[in-house]
Amino acid sequence: MTRIRSILARGALLFGLLALLGACVGPAEPIWATDEEVARARYVDDGPPTLTLMTVVSNRTGGGAHTALLINADERIIFDPAGSWYHPQLPERNDVHYGMSDQIVDFYVDYHTRVTYHTIIQTVQVTPAQAAAAKRAAEAYGAVPKGQCAISTGRILRQVPGFENMPVGFFPNVLQRAFAKVPGVETRIERDFDSDDNSGMIQAPPALYLTQNR
């Protein structure tokens, strides 16, 4: 009887872990846009080089559901490991999305933020070398297996000088709390009351490179 209870307890723990990981659960999905597509979508932001950690958190449980890293280097990209978000006009290479203009970033945040989830956005200014290191690490990482959004983001951050002590683990909130201790980090929290089913409610803005070429 004791063994049965132990097995049931382990099963409940595993189920709880999968529930916390939410949007990060499922198989890896390798995608590789062409060089031409990536070059055409290139978006260069006027601001300083930055790293922005985005953590999607359940309003019901407080558990972290997803982690992503917005990188403003020689261009602005987002590493969205094992995520369900995509833009129909933007190229992707193994969880790295290109062409991240301000409107697209807002679209990304709006997609994840709804009545059941809020999004913690933490931005820190870095050197060009640090931003370049983060970009290289994200582009080289490869398609991320579902369930490893926080793991992969932590591993990428550890390859950036000054971020070597970032935790690597399954829980987005652990990484978020560690990132909050980085000197100079600025934090804001986005909340929304959109329906939990946002599939038909959010209109993707046109990619900037398409509007510029009209």
N, C-alpha and C. Protein backbone atom coordinates (compact mmCIF):
# COMPACT_ATOMS: atom_id res chain seq x y z
N MET A 1 0.83 -1.20 0.00
CA MET A 1 0.00 0.00 0.00
C MET A 1 0.87 1.26 0.00
N THR A 2 1.96 1.21 0.78
CA THR A 2 2.86 2.35 0.83
C THR A 2 3.49 2.61 -0.53
N ARG A 3 3.83 1.52 -1.25
CA ARG A 3 4.44 1.66 -2.58
C ARG A 3 3.45 2.28 -3.55
N ILE A 4 2.20 1.90 -3.47
CA ILE A 4 1.17 2.46 -4.35
C ILE A 4 1.03 3.95 -4.10
N ARG A 5 1.01 4.34 -2.82
CA ARG A 5 0.90 5.76 -2.50
C ARG A 5 2.10 6.53 -3.03
N SER A 6 3.29 5.89 -2.96
CA SER A 6 4.50 6.55 -3.46
C SER A 6 4.42 6.76 -4.97
N ILE A 7 3.94 5.74 -5.69
CA ILE A 7 3.80 5.86 -7.15
C ILE A 7 2.80 6.94 -7.51
N LEU A 8 1.68 6.97 -6.78
CA LEU A 8 0.66 8.00 -7.04
C LEU A 8 1.20 9.39 -6.76
N ALA A 9 2.00 9.52 -5.70
CA ALA A 9 2.57 10.82 -5.36
C ALA A 9 3.52 11.30 -6.44
N ARG A 10 4.33 10.36 -6.97
CA ARG A 10 5.26 10.74 -8.04
C ARG A 10 4.50 11.15 -9.29
N GLY A 11 3.43 10.43 -9.58
CA GLY A 11 2.61 10.78 -10.73
C GLY A 11 1.99 12.15 -10.59
N ALA A 12 1.52 12.46 -9.39
CA ALA A 12 0.92 13.78 -9.14
C ALA A 12 1.96 14.88 -9.28
N LEU A 13 3.19 14.60 -8.82
CA LEU A 13 4.27 15.59 -8.94
C LEU A 13 4.59 15.85 -10.40
N LEU A 14 4.67 14.79 -11.21
CA LEU A 14 4.95 14.95 -12.63
C LEU A 14 3.84 15.73 -13.32
N PHE A 15 2.59 15.41 -12.99
CA PHE A 15 1.46 16.13 -13.59
C PHE A 15 1.51 17.61 -13.24
N GLY A 16 1.86 17.90 -11.98
CA GLY A 16 1.95 19.29 -11.56
C GLY A 16 3.04 20.03 -12.31
N LEU A 17 4.17 19.36 -12.54
CA LEU A 17 5.26 19.97 -13.29
C LEU A 17 4.82 20.30 -14.71
N LEU A 18 4.15 19.37 -15.37
CA LEU A 18 3.69 19.62 -16.73
C LEU A 18 2.68 20.75 -16.78
N ALA A 19 1.82 20.83 -15.77
CA ALA A 19 0.84 21.92 -15.73
C ALA A 19 1.53 23.26 -15.58
N LEU A 20 2.59 23.32 -14.76
CA LEU A 20 3.31 24.58 -14.58
C LEU A 20 3.98 25.01 -15.87
N LEU A 21 4.49 24.05 -16.64
CA LEU A 21 5.20 24.40 -17.86
C LEU A 21 4.25 24.85 -18.96
N GLY A 22 2.98 24.52 -18.85
CA GLY A 22 1.95 25.06 -19.73
C GLY A 22 2.32 25.05 -21.19
N ALA A 23 2.56 26.28 -21.73
CA ALA A 23 2.78 26.44 -23.16
C ALA A 23 4.06 25.77 -23.64
N CYS A 24 4.89 25.27 -22.75
CA CYS A 24 6.17 24.70 -23.14
C CYS A 24 6.14 23.19 -23.34
N VAL A 25 4.98 22.57 -23.37
CA VAL A 25 4.91 21.11 -23.38
C VAL A 25 4.62 20.57 -24.78
N GLY A 26 5.44 19.58 -25.25
CA GLY A 26 5.26 18.98 -26.56
C GLY A 26 6.60 18.76 -27.23
N PRO A 27 6.65 18.18 -28.43
CA PRO A 27 7.91 17.88 -29.10
C PRO A 27 8.54 19.12 -29.74
N ALA A 28 9.85 19.04 -30.00
CA ALA A 28 10.54 20.12 -30.70
C ALA A 28 10.08 20.19 -32.14
N GLU A 29 10.11 21.39 -32.73
CA GLU A 29 9.65 21.59 -34.10
C GLU A 29 10.70 22.38 -34.88
N PRO A 30 11.67 21.70 -35.49
CA PRO A 30 12.72 22.40 -36.25
C PRO A 30 12.14 23.17 -37.44
N ILE A 31 12.55 24.42 -37.58
CA ILE A 31 12.13 25.30 -38.69
C ILE A 31 13.37 26.06 -39.14
N TRP A 32 13.52 26.25 -40.45
CA TRP A 32 14.70 26.95 -40.95
C TRP A 32 14.33 27.84 -42.13
N ALA A 33 14.17 29.14 -41.89
CA ALA A 33 13.89 30.10 -42.95
C ALA A 33 15.14 30.30 -43.80
N THR A 34 14.96 30.73 -45.03
CA THR A 34 16.08 30.95 -45.93
C THR A 34 16.86 32.20 -45.55
N ASP A 35 18.10 32.29 -46.05
CA ASP A 35 18.91 33.49 -45.81
C ASP A 35 18.22 34.73 -46.35
N GLU A 36 17.58 34.60 -47.50
CA GLU A 36 16.89 35.74 -48.12
C GLU A 36 15.75 36.23 -47.22
N GLU A 37 14.98 35.31 -46.68
CA GLU A 37 13.86 35.69 -45.81
C GLU A 37 14.35 36.39 -44.54
N VAL A 38 15.42 35.86 -43.95
CA VAL A 38 15.95 36.44 -42.73
C VAL A 38 16.50 37.83 -42.99
N ALA A 39 17.22 37.99 -44.09
CA ALA A 39 17.81 39.31 -44.41
C ALA A 39 16.73 40.34 -44.70
N ARG A 40 15.68 39.91 -45.38
CA ARG A 40 14.60 40.84 -45.74
C ARG A 40 13.85 41.33 -44.51
N ALA A 41 13.71 40.49 -43.51
CA ALA A 41 12.93 40.84 -42.31
C ALA A 41 13.75 41.58 -41.27
N ARG A 42 15.02 41.75 -41.47
CA ARG A 42 15.92 42.35 -40.48
C ARG A 42 15.35 43.66 -39.94
N TYR A 43 15.29 43.78 -38.60
CA TYR A 43 14.82 45.01 -37.96
C TYR A 43 15.89 45.51 -37.00
N VAL A 44 16.32 46.76 -37.20
CA VAL A 44 17.33 47.37 -36.34
C VAL A 44 16.66 48.44 -35.49
N ASP A 45 16.76 48.28 -34.19
CA ASP A 45 16.17 49.23 -33.25
C ASP A 45 17.16 50.36 -32.97
N ASP A 46 16.65 51.57 -32.74
CA ASP A 46 17.51 52.73 -32.48
C ASP A 46 18.08 52.76 -31.07
N GLY A 47 17.52 51.98 -30.19
CA GLY A 47 17.93 52.04 -28.79
C GLY A 47 19.23 51.32 -28.52
N PRO A 48 19.69 51.35 -27.27
CA PRO A 48 20.93 50.67 -26.88
C PRO A 48 20.76 49.16 -26.90
N PRO A 49 21.85 48.42 -26.90
CA PRO A 49 21.73 46.96 -26.82
C PRO A 49 21.12 46.55 -25.49
N THR A 50 20.18 45.63 -25.55
CA THR A 50 19.48 45.19 -24.34
C THR A 50 19.17 43.71 -24.41
N LEU A 51 18.95 43.14 -23.24
CA LEU A 51 18.37 41.80 -23.10
C LEU A 51 17.08 41.96 -22.33
N THR A 52 16.01 41.35 -22.84
CA THR A 52 14.71 41.43 -22.17
C THR A 52 14.19 40.03 -21.92
N LEU A 53 14.08 39.67 -20.66
CA LEU A 53 13.51 38.37 -20.29
C LEU A 53 12.01 38.53 -20.13
N MET A 54 11.25 37.68 -20.81
CA MET A 54 9.79 37.70 -20.70
C MET A 54 9.33 36.41 -20.04
N THR A 55 8.55 36.55 -18.98
CA THR A 55 8.07 35.39 -18.24
C THR A 55 6.54 35.46 -18.15
N VAL A 56 5.88 34.44 -18.67
CA VAL A 56 4.43 34.35 -18.63
C VAL A 56 4.04 33.57 -17.38
N VAL A 57 3.16 34.16 -16.56
CA VAL A 57 2.85 33.59 -15.25
C VAL A 57 1.34 33.38 -15.11
N SER A 58 0.96 32.24 -14.59
CA SER A 58 -0.46 31.93 -14.39
C SER A 58 -1.05 32.80 -13.29
N ASN A 59 -2.19 33.41 -13.57
CA ASN A 59 -2.89 34.19 -12.55
C ASN A 59 -3.57 33.31 -11.51
N ARG A 60 -3.80 32.06 -11.85
CA ARG A 60 -4.48 31.16 -10.94
C ARG A 60 -3.53 30.51 -9.94
N THR A 61 -2.38 30.08 -10.42
CA THR A 61 -1.46 29.33 -9.56
C THR A 61 -0.19 30.10 -9.21
N GLY A 62 0.14 31.13 -9.99
CA GLY A 62 1.40 31.83 -9.80
C GLY A 62 2.59 31.12 -10.42
N GLY A 63 2.33 29.98 -11.05
CA GLY A 63 3.40 29.22 -11.68
C GLY A 63 3.83 29.83 -13.00
N GLY A 64 5.12 29.71 -13.32
CA GLY A 64 5.62 30.18 -14.60
C GLY A 64 5.19 29.26 -15.72
N ALA A 65 4.66 29.83 -16.81
CA ALA A 65 4.16 29.03 -17.92
C ALA A 65 5.06 29.08 -19.14
N HIS A 66 5.84 30.15 -19.29
CA HIS A 66 6.69 30.26 -20.47
C HIS A 66 7.78 31.30 -20.24
N THR A 67 8.90 31.10 -20.93
CA THR A 67 10.04 32.01 -20.88
C THR A 67 10.51 32.31 -22.29
N ALA A 68 10.86 33.58 -22.56
CA ALA A 68 11.44 33.97 -23.84
C ALA A 68 12.46 35.07 -23.61
N LEU A 69 13.35 35.26 -24.60
CA LEU A 69 14.41 36.26 -24.46
C LEU A 69 14.44 37.14 -25.71
N LEU A 70 14.14 38.43 -25.52
CA LEU A 70 14.21 39.42 -26.60
C LEU A 70 15.61 40.02 -26.58
N ILE A 71 16.28 39.98 -27.72
CA ILE A 71 17.68 40.40 -27.80
C ILE A 71 17.79 41.55 -28.79
N ASN A 72 18.25 42.69 -28.31
CA ASN A 72 18.49 43.84 -29.18
C ASN A 72 19.99 43.97 -29.38
N ALA A 73 20.48 43.40 -30.48
CA ALA A 73 21.90 43.43 -30.80
C ALA A 73 22.07 44.26 -32.08
N ASP A 74 22.76 43.72 -33.10
CA ASP A 74 22.86 44.43 -34.36
C ASP A 74 21.52 44.41 -35.11
N GLU A 75 20.62 43.57 -34.66
CA GLU A 75 19.22 43.56 -35.05
C GLU A 75 18.44 43.04 -33.86
N ARG A 76 17.11 43.20 -33.87
CA ARG A 76 16.33 42.74 -32.74
C ARG A 76 15.60 41.45 -33.11
N ILE A 77 15.83 40.44 -32.30
CA ILE A 77 15.23 39.13 -32.50
C ILE A 77 14.63 38.66 -31.19
N ILE A 78 13.84 37.60 -31.25
CA ILE A 78 13.36 36.99 -30.02
C ILE A 78 13.61 35.49 -30.07
N PHE A 79 14.15 34.98 -28.99
CA PHE A 79 14.30 33.54 -28.79
C PHE A 79 13.08 33.08 -28.00
N ASP A 80 12.21 32.35 -28.67
CA ASP A 80 10.92 31.93 -28.09
C ASP A 80 10.88 30.41 -28.02
N PRO A 81 11.62 29.82 -27.10
CA PRO A 81 11.81 28.37 -27.11
C PRO A 81 10.54 27.59 -26.83
N ALA A 82 10.24 26.67 -27.74
CA ALA A 82 9.09 25.78 -27.58
C ALA A 82 7.78 26.55 -27.43
N GLY A 83 7.71 27.74 -28.01
CA GLY A 83 6.52 28.56 -27.89
C GLY A 83 5.50 28.29 -28.98
N SER A 84 4.26 28.69 -28.72
CA SER A 84 3.19 28.52 -29.70
C SER A 84 2.99 29.77 -30.56
N TRP A 85 3.64 30.88 -30.18
CA TRP A 85 3.47 32.13 -30.92
C TRP A 85 4.20 32.09 -32.25
N TYR A 86 3.61 32.72 -33.25
CA TYR A 86 4.32 32.95 -34.50
C TYR A 86 3.65 34.11 -35.22
N HIS A 87 4.40 34.71 -36.15
CA HIS A 87 3.84 35.76 -37.00
C HIS A 87 3.86 35.24 -38.43
N PRO A 88 2.75 35.27 -39.13
CA PRO A 88 2.69 34.64 -40.46
C PRO A 88 3.60 35.27 -41.50
N GLN A 89 4.10 36.49 -41.22
CA GLN A 89 4.95 37.17 -42.21
C GLN A 89 6.42 37.24 -41.80
N LEU A 90 6.76 36.67 -40.67
CA LEU A 90 8.13 36.76 -40.18
C LEU A 90 8.83 35.41 -40.24
N PRO A 91 10.11 35.41 -40.63
CA PRO A 91 10.86 34.15 -40.69
C PRO A 91 11.29 33.67 -39.31
N GLU A 92 11.46 32.37 -39.21
CA GLU A 92 11.88 31.73 -37.96
C GLU A 92 12.95 30.71 -38.27
N ARG A 93 13.92 30.65 -37.38
CA ARG A 93 14.92 29.59 -37.44
C ARG A 93 15.03 28.96 -36.07
N ASN A 94 14.44 27.79 -35.93
CA ASN A 94 14.57 27.02 -34.69
C ASN A 94 14.35 27.85 -33.43
N ASP A 95 13.16 28.44 -33.35
CA ASP A 95 12.71 29.20 -32.17
C ASP A 95 13.29 30.62 -32.10
N VAL A 96 14.06 31.03 -33.09
CA VAL A 96 14.50 32.42 -33.19
C VAL A 96 13.65 33.11 -34.26
N HIS A 97 12.95 34.18 -33.87
CA HIS A 97 12.09 34.92 -34.79
C HIS A 97 12.75 36.26 -35.11
N TYR A 98 12.73 36.62 -36.39
CA TYR A 98 13.37 37.84 -36.86
C TYR A 98 12.31 38.91 -37.17
N GLY A 99 12.79 40.17 -37.30
CA GLY A 99 11.88 41.25 -37.66
C GLY A 99 11.07 41.78 -36.50
N MET A 100 11.64 41.79 -35.30
CA MET A 100 10.88 42.14 -34.09
C MET A 100 10.81 43.66 -33.91
N SER A 101 9.96 44.30 -34.68
CA SER A 101 9.69 45.73 -34.53
C SER A 101 8.88 45.96 -33.26
N ASP A 102 8.69 47.23 -32.89
CA ASP A 102 7.92 47.54 -31.69
C ASP A 102 6.51 46.96 -31.76
N GLN A 103 5.89 47.08 -32.91
CA GLN A 103 4.52 46.55 -33.05
C GLN A 103 4.48 45.04 -32.89
N ILE A 104 5.49 44.36 -33.42
CA ILE A 104 5.53 42.90 -33.31
C ILE A 104 5.79 42.49 -31.86
N VAL A 105 6.65 43.22 -31.16
CA VAL A 105 6.89 42.92 -29.75
C VAL A 105 5.60 43.09 -28.95
N ASP A 106 4.86 44.17 -29.21
CA ASP A 106 3.57 44.36 -28.54
C ASP A 106 2.61 43.23 -28.84
N PHE A 107 2.62 42.78 -30.09
CA PHE A 107 1.77 41.66 -30.50
C PHE A 107 2.15 40.39 -29.73
N TYR A 108 3.45 40.17 -29.57
CA TYR A 108 3.93 39.00 -28.83
C TYR A 108 3.42 39.04 -27.38
N VAL A 109 3.57 40.19 -26.75
CA VAL A 109 3.13 40.33 -25.35
C VAL A 109 1.62 40.15 -25.24
N ASP A 110 0.89 40.76 -26.17
CA ASP A 110 -0.58 40.67 -26.15
C ASP A 110 -1.05 39.24 -26.34
N TYR A 111 -0.35 38.49 -27.17
CA TYR A 111 -0.70 37.09 -27.42
C TYR A 111 -0.67 36.27 -26.12
N HIS A 112 0.32 36.54 -25.29
CA HIS A 112 0.49 35.75 -24.08
C HIS A 112 -0.30 36.28 -22.88
N THR A 113 -0.62 37.56 -22.88
CA THR A 113 -1.23 38.18 -21.71
C THR A 113 -2.75 38.19 -21.85
N ARG A 114 -3.43 37.55 -20.92
CA ARG A 114 -4.89 37.48 -20.99
C ARG A 114 -5.44 37.27 -19.58
N VAL A 115 -6.70 36.94 -19.49
CA VAL A 115 -7.34 36.88 -18.18
C VAL A 115 -6.67 35.84 -17.26
N THR A 116 -6.08 34.81 -17.85
CA THR A 116 -5.49 33.76 -17.03
C THR A 116 -3.98 33.88 -16.85
N TYR A 117 -3.34 34.79 -17.59
CA TYR A 117 -1.88 34.94 -17.49
C TYR A 117 -1.48 36.41 -17.52
N HIS A 118 -0.44 36.75 -16.77
CA HIS A 118 0.20 38.06 -16.92
C HIS A 118 1.65 37.83 -17.35
N THR A 119 2.27 38.88 -17.87
CA THR A 119 3.62 38.76 -18.40
C THR A 119 4.55 39.72 -17.68
N ILE A 120 5.65 39.18 -17.15
CA ILE A 120 6.68 39.99 -16.50
C ILE A 120 7.77 40.27 -17.53
N ILE A 121 8.06 41.55 -17.73
CA ILE A 121 9.02 41.97 -18.75
C ILE A 121 10.18 42.65 -18.04
N GLN A 122 11.37 42.06 -18.13
CA GLN A 122 12.56 42.56 -17.44
C GLN A 122 13.63 42.91 -18.47
N THR A 123 14.02 44.18 -18.50
CA THR A 123 14.98 44.66 -19.50
C THR A 123 16.22 45.21 -18.82
N VAL A 124 17.38 44.85 -19.35
CA VAL A 124 18.63 45.38 -18.84
C VAL A 124 19.50 45.80 -20.03
N GLN A 125 20.10 46.98 -19.91
CA GLN A 125 21.01 47.45 -20.95
C GLN A 125 22.34 46.72 -20.81
N VAL A 126 22.89 46.29 -21.94
CA VAL A 126 24.15 45.55 -21.94
C VAL A 126 25.10 46.18 -22.95
N THR A 127 26.30 45.66 -23.02
CA THR A 127 27.26 46.14 -24.00
C THR A 127 26.96 45.50 -25.36
N PRO A 128 27.45 46.08 -26.45
CA PRO A 128 27.29 45.43 -27.76
C PRO A 128 27.85 44.02 -27.78
N ALA A 129 28.96 43.79 -27.08
CA ALA A 129 29.56 42.46 -27.06
C ALA A 129 28.65 41.46 -26.34
N GLN A 130 28.03 41.88 -25.25
CA GLN A 130 27.11 40.99 -24.54
C GLN A 130 25.88 40.66 -25.39
N ALA A 131 25.33 41.67 -26.05
CA ALA A 131 24.16 41.44 -26.91
C ALA A 131 24.53 40.51 -28.06
N ALA A 132 25.71 40.71 -28.63
CA ALA A 132 26.15 39.85 -29.73
C ALA A 132 26.33 38.41 -29.26
N ALA A 133 26.85 38.23 -28.05
CA ALA A 133 27.03 36.88 -27.51
C ALA A 133 25.68 36.19 -27.31
N ALA A 134 24.69 36.93 -26.81
CA ALA A 134 23.36 36.35 -26.62
C ALA A 134 22.74 35.96 -27.95
N LYS A 135 22.90 36.82 -28.95
CA LYS A 135 22.35 36.51 -30.27
C LYS A 135 23.00 35.27 -30.87
N ARG A 136 24.32 35.20 -30.79
CA ARG A 136 25.02 34.02 -31.32
C ARG A 136 24.56 32.75 -30.63
N ALA A 137 24.42 32.81 -29.32
CA ALA A 137 24.02 31.62 -28.56
C ALA A 137 22.60 31.19 -28.92
N ALA A 138 21.70 32.16 -29.08
CA ALA A 138 20.32 31.84 -29.44
C ALA A 138 20.24 31.23 -30.83
N GLU A 139 20.97 31.80 -31.77
CA GLU A 139 20.92 31.28 -33.15
C GLU A 139 21.57 29.91 -33.28
N ALA A 140 22.51 29.61 -32.40
CA ALA A 140 23.21 28.33 -32.48
C ALA A 140 22.53 27.23 -31.67
N TYR A 141 21.54 27.58 -30.86
CA TYR A 141 21.00 26.61 -29.90
C TYR A 141 20.25 25.46 -30.58
N GLY A 142 19.50 25.75 -31.60
CA GLY A 142 18.70 24.70 -32.24
C GLY A 142 17.29 24.65 -31.70
N ALA A 143 16.46 23.84 -32.33
CA ALA A 143 15.06 23.71 -31.91
C ALA A 143 14.99 23.15 -30.49
N VAL A 144 14.13 23.75 -29.69
CA VAL A 144 14.05 23.40 -28.26
C VAL A 144 12.93 22.40 -28.02
N PRO A 145 13.21 21.28 -27.37
CA PRO A 145 12.14 20.35 -27.00
C PRO A 145 11.15 21.02 -26.06
N LYS A 146 9.90 20.70 -26.21
CA LYS A 146 8.88 21.27 -25.33
C LYS A 146 9.17 20.85 -23.90
N GLY A 147 8.97 21.79 -23.00
CA GLY A 147 9.28 21.54 -21.60
C GLY A 147 10.62 22.13 -21.19
N GLN A 148 11.35 22.74 -22.16
CA GLN A 148 12.69 23.23 -21.84
C GLN A 148 12.86 24.72 -22.15
N CYS A 149 11.79 25.49 -22.07
CA CYS A 149 11.90 26.92 -22.38
C CYS A 149 12.82 27.63 -21.39
N ALA A 150 12.66 27.38 -20.10
CA ALA A 150 13.52 28.02 -19.10
C ALA A 150 14.93 27.44 -19.13
N ILE A 151 15.03 26.13 -19.36
CA ILE A 151 16.35 25.49 -19.43
C ILE A 151 17.18 26.11 -20.55
N SER A 152 16.60 26.18 -21.75
CA SER A 152 17.34 26.70 -22.91
C SER A 152 17.69 28.17 -22.74
N THR A 153 16.78 28.96 -22.20
CA THR A 153 17.06 30.38 -21.99
C THR A 153 18.16 30.58 -20.97
N GLY A 154 18.13 29.80 -19.91
CA GLY A 154 19.20 29.88 -18.91
C GLY A 154 20.55 29.51 -19.50
N ARG A 155 20.58 28.49 -20.34
CA ARG A 155 21.84 28.08 -20.97
C ARG A 155 22.38 29.17 -21.90
N ILE A 156 21.49 29.82 -22.62
CA ILE A 156 21.91 30.91 -23.50
C ILE A 156 22.46 32.07 -22.69
N LEU A 157 21.77 32.46 -21.63
CA LEU A 157 22.24 33.56 -20.80
C LEU A 157 23.60 33.26 -20.18
N ARG A 158 23.84 32.02 -19.85
CA ARG A 158 25.13 31.65 -19.24
C ARG A 158 26.30 31.85 -20.20
N GLN A 159 26.02 31.94 -21.48
CA GLN A 159 27.08 32.17 -22.47
C GLN A 159 27.38 33.65 -22.68
N VAL A 160 26.65 34.51 -21.97
CA VAL A 160 26.84 35.95 -22.06
C VAL A 160 27.71 36.40 -20.89
N PRO A 161 28.82 37.09 -21.17
CA PRO A 161 29.66 37.58 -20.06
C PRO A 161 28.85 38.40 -19.06
N GLY A 162 28.98 38.07 -17.79
CA GLY A 162 28.24 38.75 -16.74
C GLY A 162 26.96 38.04 -16.33
N PHE A 163 26.56 37.04 -17.10
CA PHE A 163 25.33 36.30 -16.80
C PHE A 163 25.63 34.81 -16.57
N GLU A 164 26.87 34.49 -16.27
CA GLU A 164 27.28 33.09 -16.16
C GLU A 164 26.59 32.35 -15.02
N ASN A 165 26.05 33.08 -14.04
CA ASN A 165 25.43 32.42 -12.88
C ASN A 165 23.92 32.27 -12.99
N MET A 166 23.37 32.55 -14.15
CA MET A 166 21.93 32.37 -14.32
C MET A 166 21.56 30.89 -14.12
N PRO A 167 20.44 30.61 -13.45
CA PRO A 167 20.06 29.21 -13.21
C PRO A 167 19.59 28.51 -14.48
N VAL A 168 19.80 27.23 -14.52
CA VAL A 168 19.31 26.39 -15.61
C VAL A 168 18.39 25.34 -15.01
N GLY A 169 17.11 25.43 -15.32
CA GLY A 169 16.14 24.49 -14.75
C GLY A 169 14.80 24.61 -15.44
N PHE A 170 13.85 23.81 -14.98
CA PHE A 170 12.54 23.74 -15.64
C PHE A 170 11.61 24.91 -15.32
N PHE A 171 11.90 25.67 -14.27
CA PHE A 171 10.90 26.61 -13.77
C PHE A 171 11.18 28.05 -14.20
N PRO A 172 10.32 28.65 -15.03
CA PRO A 172 10.50 30.03 -15.48
C PRO A 172 10.61 31.03 -14.34
N ASN A 173 9.87 30.83 -13.25
CA ASN A 173 9.90 31.79 -12.15
C ASN A 173 11.27 31.85 -11.48
N VAL A 174 11.97 30.74 -11.44
CA VAL A 174 13.30 30.72 -10.83
C VAL A 174 14.25 31.60 -11.65
N LEU A 175 14.19 31.46 -12.96
CA LEU A 175 15.03 32.28 -13.84
C LEU A 175 14.62 33.75 -13.74
N GLN A 176 13.34 34.01 -13.66
CA GLN A 176 12.85 35.39 -13.56
C GLN A 176 13.36 36.06 -12.28
N ARG A 177 13.33 35.35 -11.17
CA ARG A 177 13.79 35.93 -9.91
C ARG A 177 15.30 36.18 -9.93
N ALA A 178 16.04 35.30 -10.58
CA ALA A 178 17.49 35.51 -10.69
C ALA A 178 17.80 36.71 -11.58
N PHE A 179 17.06 36.84 -12.68
CA PHE A 179 17.27 37.96 -13.61
C PHE A 179 16.94 39.28 -12.93
N ALA A 180 16.01 39.27 -12.01
CA ALA A 180 15.62 40.49 -11.29
C ALA A 180 16.76 41.06 -10.47
N LYS A 181 17.75 40.24 -10.13
CA LYS A 181 18.87 40.68 -9.32
C LYS A 181 20.00 41.28 -10.15
N VAL A 182 19.88 41.23 -11.48
CA VAL A 182 20.91 41.81 -12.34
C VAL A 182 20.92 43.33 -12.15
N PRO A 183 22.08 43.93 -11.90
CA PRO A 183 22.12 45.39 -11.71
C PRO A 183 21.57 46.14 -12.92
N GLY A 184 20.68 47.11 -12.65
CA GLY A 184 20.15 47.95 -13.71
C GLY A 184 18.92 47.42 -14.40
N VAL A 185 18.43 46.24 -14.01
CA VAL A 185 17.26 45.67 -14.67
C VAL A 185 16.02 46.51 -14.37
N GLU A 186 15.21 46.72 -15.39
CA GLU A 186 13.94 47.43 -15.24
C GLU A 186 12.80 46.46 -15.51
N THR A 187 11.79 46.48 -14.64
CA THR A 187 10.72 45.49 -14.71
C THR A 187 9.36 46.16 -14.87
N ARG A 188 8.55 45.60 -15.73
CA ARG A 188 7.15 46.01 -15.80
C ARG A 188 6.30 44.75 -15.96
N ILE A 189 5.05 44.86 -15.53
CA ILE A 189 4.13 43.72 -15.61
C ILE A 189 2.94 44.11 -16.47
N GLU A 190 2.67 43.29 -17.47
CA GLU A 190 1.54 43.51 -18.36
C GLU A 190 0.38 42.60 -17.96
N ARG A 191 -0.81 43.20 -17.82
CA ARG A 191 -2.02 42.44 -17.52
C ARG A 191 -3.10 42.78 -18.53
N ASP A 192 -3.98 41.83 -18.78
CA ASP A 192 -5.06 42.03 -19.74
C ASP A 192 -6.23 41.16 -19.31
N PHE A 193 -7.41 41.49 -19.82
CA PHE A 193 -8.61 40.72 -19.47
C PHE A 193 -9.24 40.08 -20.69
N ASP A 194 -8.42 39.89 -21.72
CA ASP A 194 -8.90 39.16 -22.90
C ASP A 194 -9.27 37.73 -22.51
N SER A 195 -10.12 37.13 -23.31
CA SER A 195 -10.50 35.74 -23.08
C SER A 195 -9.29 34.83 -23.10
N ASP A 196 -9.39 33.73 -22.39
CA ASP A 196 -8.30 32.76 -22.39
C ASP A 196 -8.07 32.18 -23.77
N ASP A 197 -9.12 32.07 -24.57
CA ASP A 197 -9.00 31.62 -25.95
C ASP A 197 -8.76 32.85 -26.82
N ASN A 198 -7.49 33.13 -27.10
CA ASN A 198 -7.16 34.33 -27.85
C ASN A 198 -6.90 34.06 -29.33
N SER A 199 -7.21 32.86 -29.79
CA SER A 199 -6.85 32.47 -31.15
C SER A 199 -7.50 33.34 -32.21
N GLY A 200 -8.71 33.83 -31.95
CA GLY A 200 -9.39 34.62 -32.97
C GLY A 200 -9.54 36.08 -32.61
N MET A 201 -8.85 36.53 -31.55
CA MET A 201 -9.08 37.88 -31.05
C MET A 201 -7.92 38.84 -31.33
N ILE A 202 -6.73 38.31 -31.58
CA ILE A 202 -5.57 39.16 -31.74
C ILE A 202 -5.19 39.23 -33.21
N GLN A 203 -5.19 40.44 -33.75
CA GLN A 203 -4.84 40.65 -35.15
C GLN A 203 -3.35 40.92 -35.26
N ALA A 204 -2.64 40.10 -36.02
CA ALA A 204 -1.21 40.30 -36.19
C ALA A 204 -0.96 41.55 -37.02
N PRO A 205 -0.14 42.48 -36.54
CA PRO A 205 0.18 43.67 -37.33
C PRO A 205 1.07 43.28 -38.50
N PRO A 206 1.06 44.03 -39.58
CA PRO A 206 1.92 43.70 -40.72
C PRO A 206 3.39 43.84 -40.33
N ALA A 207 4.21 42.96 -40.88
CA ALA A 207 5.65 43.07 -40.64
C ALA A 207 6.17 44.38 -41.20
N LEU A 208 7.09 45.01 -40.49
CA LEU A 208 7.56 46.34 -40.86
C LEU A 208 8.19 46.34 -42.24
N TYR A 209 8.94 45.28 -42.58
CA TYR A 209 9.62 45.28 -43.88
C TYR A 209 8.63 45.23 -45.04
N LEU A 210 7.42 44.72 -44.79
CA LEU A 210 6.41 44.71 -45.84
C LEU A 210 5.82 46.10 -46.05
N THR A 211 5.58 46.81 -44.95
CA THR A 211 5.02 48.16 -45.09
C THR A 211 6.04 49.13 -45.66
N GLN A 212 7.32 48.91 -45.38
CA GLN A 212 8.36 49.79 -45.92
C GLN A 212 8.53 49.61 -47.42
N ASN A 213 8.22 48.43 -47.92
CA ASN A 213 8.43 48.15 -49.35
C ASN A 213 7.22 48.46 -50.21
N ARG A 214 6.16 48.97 -49.59
CA ARG A 214 4.99 49.29 -50.38
C ARG A 214 5.17 50.60 -51.15
